[in-house]
Amino acid sequence: MDVRFYAGAADAAGRHLEEIPGPLSVDGLLARLGDDRPTLAQVLTRCSILVNGRQVADPSEILPQDARVDVLPPFAGG
């Protein structure tokens, strides 16, 4: 699956795009992304996760291999 990081999440990840083999649950994906990257793991706790354009409410949801996952940190401003 393609994982796209935005703003502070991209800074913490050190990249804007990462390919992760799936399928994985949302929780499993977040754990894998945070492995060996404690700053990213901390940022991920505050992010919204969109899968194929829709927000994921259930962290046990299984994501298909061909999913596009957007990792969006909270944004300030108006």
C-alpha atoms as a PDB file:
ATOM      1  CA  MET A   1       0.000   0.000   0.000  1.00  0.00           C
ATOM      2  CA  ASP A   2       1.103   3.569  -0.587  1.00  0.00           C
ATOM      3  CA  VAL A   3       1.376   5.609   2.601  1.00  0.00           C
ATOM      4  CA  ARG A   4       1.538   9.369   2.079  1.00  0.00           C
ATOM      5  CA  PHE A   5       2.714  11.598   4.901  1.00  0.00           C
ATOM      6  CA  TYR A   6       1.802  15.272   5.158  1.00  0.00           C
ATOM      7  CA  ALA A   7       3.245  18.241   7.088  1.00  0.00           C
ATOM      8  CA  GLY A   8       4.692  17.244  10.482  1.00  0.00           C
ATOM      9  CA  ALA A   9       4.114  13.551   9.782  1.00  0.00           C
ATOM     10  CA  ALA A  10       6.347  13.816   6.695  1.00  0.00           C
ATOM     11  CA  ASP A  11       8.996  15.571   8.777  1.00  0.00           C
ATOM     12  CA  ALA A  12       8.875  12.813  11.411  1.00  0.00           C
ATOM     13  CA  ALA A  13       8.923  10.066   8.770  1.00  0.00           C
ATOM     14  CA  GLY A  14      11.735  11.705   6.822  1.00  0.00           C
ATOM     15  CA  ARG A  15       9.792  11.239   3.589  1.00  0.00           C
ATOM     16  CA  HIS A  16       6.468  11.945   1.937  1.00  0.00           C
ATOM     17  CA  LEU A  17       5.770   8.484   0.525  1.00  0.00           C
ATOM     18  CA  GLU A  18       6.428   4.962   1.735  1.00  0.00           C
ATOM     19  CA  GLU A  19       5.327   1.614   0.319  1.00  0.00           C
ATOM     20  CA  ILE A  20       4.308  -0.989   2.882  1.00  0.00           C
ATOM     21  CA  PRO A  21       3.324  -4.557   2.011  1.00  0.00           C
ATOM     22  CA  GLY A  22      -0.152  -5.527   3.148  1.00  0.00           C
ATOM     23  CA  PRO A  23      -2.720  -6.453   4.017  1.00  0.00           C
ATOM     24  CA  LEU A  24      -2.480  -4.989   7.507  1.00  0.00           C
ATOM     25  CA  SER A  25      -4.894  -3.546  10.007  1.00  0.00           C
ATOM     26  CA  VAL A  26      -4.684   0.181  10.667  1.00  0.00           C
ATOM     27  CA  ASP A  27      -3.155  -0.606  14.070  1.00  0.00           C
ATOM     28  CA  GLY A  28      -0.667  -2.968  12.433  1.00  0.00           C
ATOM     29  CA  LEU A  29       0.280  -0.370   9.852  1.00  0.00           C
ATOM     30  CA  LEU A  30       0.814   2.324  12.492  1.00  0.00           C
ATOM     31  CA  ALA A  31       2.932  -0.070  14.573  1.00  0.00           C
ATOM     32  CA  ARG A  32       5.059  -0.954  11.555  1.00  0.00           C
ATOM     33  CA  LEU A  33       5.506   2.695  10.594  1.00  0.00           C
ATOM     34  CA  GLY A  34       6.550   3.599  14.136  1.00  0.00           C
ATOM     35  CA  ASP A  35       9.009   0.709  14.513  1.00  0.00           C
ATOM     36  CA  ASP A  36      12.494   2.127  15.071  1.00  0.00           C
ATOM     37  CA  ARG A  37      11.139   5.688  14.594  1.00  0.00           C
ATOM     38  CA  PRO A  38       9.980   6.885  18.023  1.00  0.00           C
ATOM     39  CA  THR A  39       9.339  10.450  16.861  1.00  0.00           C
ATOM     40  CA  LEU A  40       7.068   9.210  14.072  1.00  0.00           C
ATOM     41  CA  ALA A  41       5.327   6.803  16.474  1.00  0.00           C
ATOM     42  CA  GLN A  42       4.520   9.744  18.752  1.00  0.00           C
ATOM     43  CA  VAL A  43       3.248  11.886  15.862  1.00  0.00           C
ATOM     44  CA  LEU A  44       1.066   9.027  14.580  1.00  0.00           C
ATOM     45  CA  THR A  45      -0.938   9.037  17.831  1.00  0.00           C
ATOM     46  CA  ARG A  46      -2.309  12.471  16.874  1.00  0.00           C
ATOM     47  CA  CYS A  47      -2.874  11.878  13.157  1.00  0.00           C
ATOM     48  CA  SER A  48      -6.003  11.203  11.175  1.00  0.00           C
ATOM     49  CA  ILE A  49      -5.745   8.226   8.854  1.00  0.00           C
ATOM     50  CA  LEU A  50      -7.575   8.320   5.534  1.00  0.00           C
ATOM     51  CA  VAL A  51      -7.865   5.189   3.417  1.00  0.00           C
ATOM     52  CA  ASN A  52      -8.801   5.724  -0.199  1.00  0.00           C
ATOM     53  CA  GLY A  53     -10.151   9.148   0.762  1.00  0.00           C
ATOM     54  CA  ARG A  54     -12.244   8.206   3.797  1.00  0.00           C
ATOM     55  CA  GLN A  55     -11.405   8.517   7.474  1.00  0.00           C
ATOM     56  CA  VAL A  56     -10.907   5.251   9.302  1.00  0.00           C
ATOM     57  CA  ALA A  57     -12.832   4.939  12.557  1.00  0.00           C
ATOM     58  CA  ASP A  58     -12.027   1.306  13.398  1.00  0.00           C
ATOM     59  CA  PRO A  59      -8.291   0.674  13.970  1.00  0.00           C
ATOM     60  CA  SER A  60      -8.797  -3.064  13.487  1.00  0.00           C
ATOM     61  CA  GLU A  61      -9.999  -2.509   9.903  1.00  0.00           C
ATOM     62  CA  ILE A  62      -7.917  -4.529   7.450  1.00  0.00           C
ATOM     63  CA  LEU A  63      -6.417  -2.440   4.674  1.00  0.00           C
ATOM     64  CA  PRO A  64      -5.983  -4.038   1.254  1.00  0.00           C
ATOM     65  CA  GLN A  65      -2.605  -4.159  -0.449  1.00  0.00           C
ATOM     66  CA  ASP A  66      -3.699  -1.597  -3.061  1.00  0.00           C
ATOM     67  CA  ALA A  67      -4.904   0.980  -0.508  1.00  0.00           C
ATOM     68  CA  ARG A  68      -3.797   4.600  -0.550  1.00  0.00           C
ATOM     69  CA  VAL A  69      -3.266   5.724   3.033  1.00  0.00           C
ATOM     70  CA  ASP A  70      -2.959   9.410   3.908  1.00  0.00           C
ATOM     71  CA  VAL A  71      -1.434  10.313   7.287  1.00  0.00           C
ATOM     72  CA  LEU A  72      -2.660  13.784   8.274  1.00  0.00           C
ATOM     73  CA  PRO A  73      -1.438  15.480  11.432  1.00  0.00           C
ATOM     74  CA  PRO A  74      -3.640  18.105  13.082  1.00  0.00           C
ATOM     75  CA  PHE A  75      -3.504  21.392  11.237  1.00  0.00           C
ATOM     76  CA  ALA A  76      -3.688  24.830  12.809  1.00  0.00           C
ATOM     77  CA  GLY A  77      -5.019  27.938  11.180  1.00  0.00           C
ATOM     78  CA  GLY A  78      -8.155  28.886   9.448  1.00  0.00           C
END
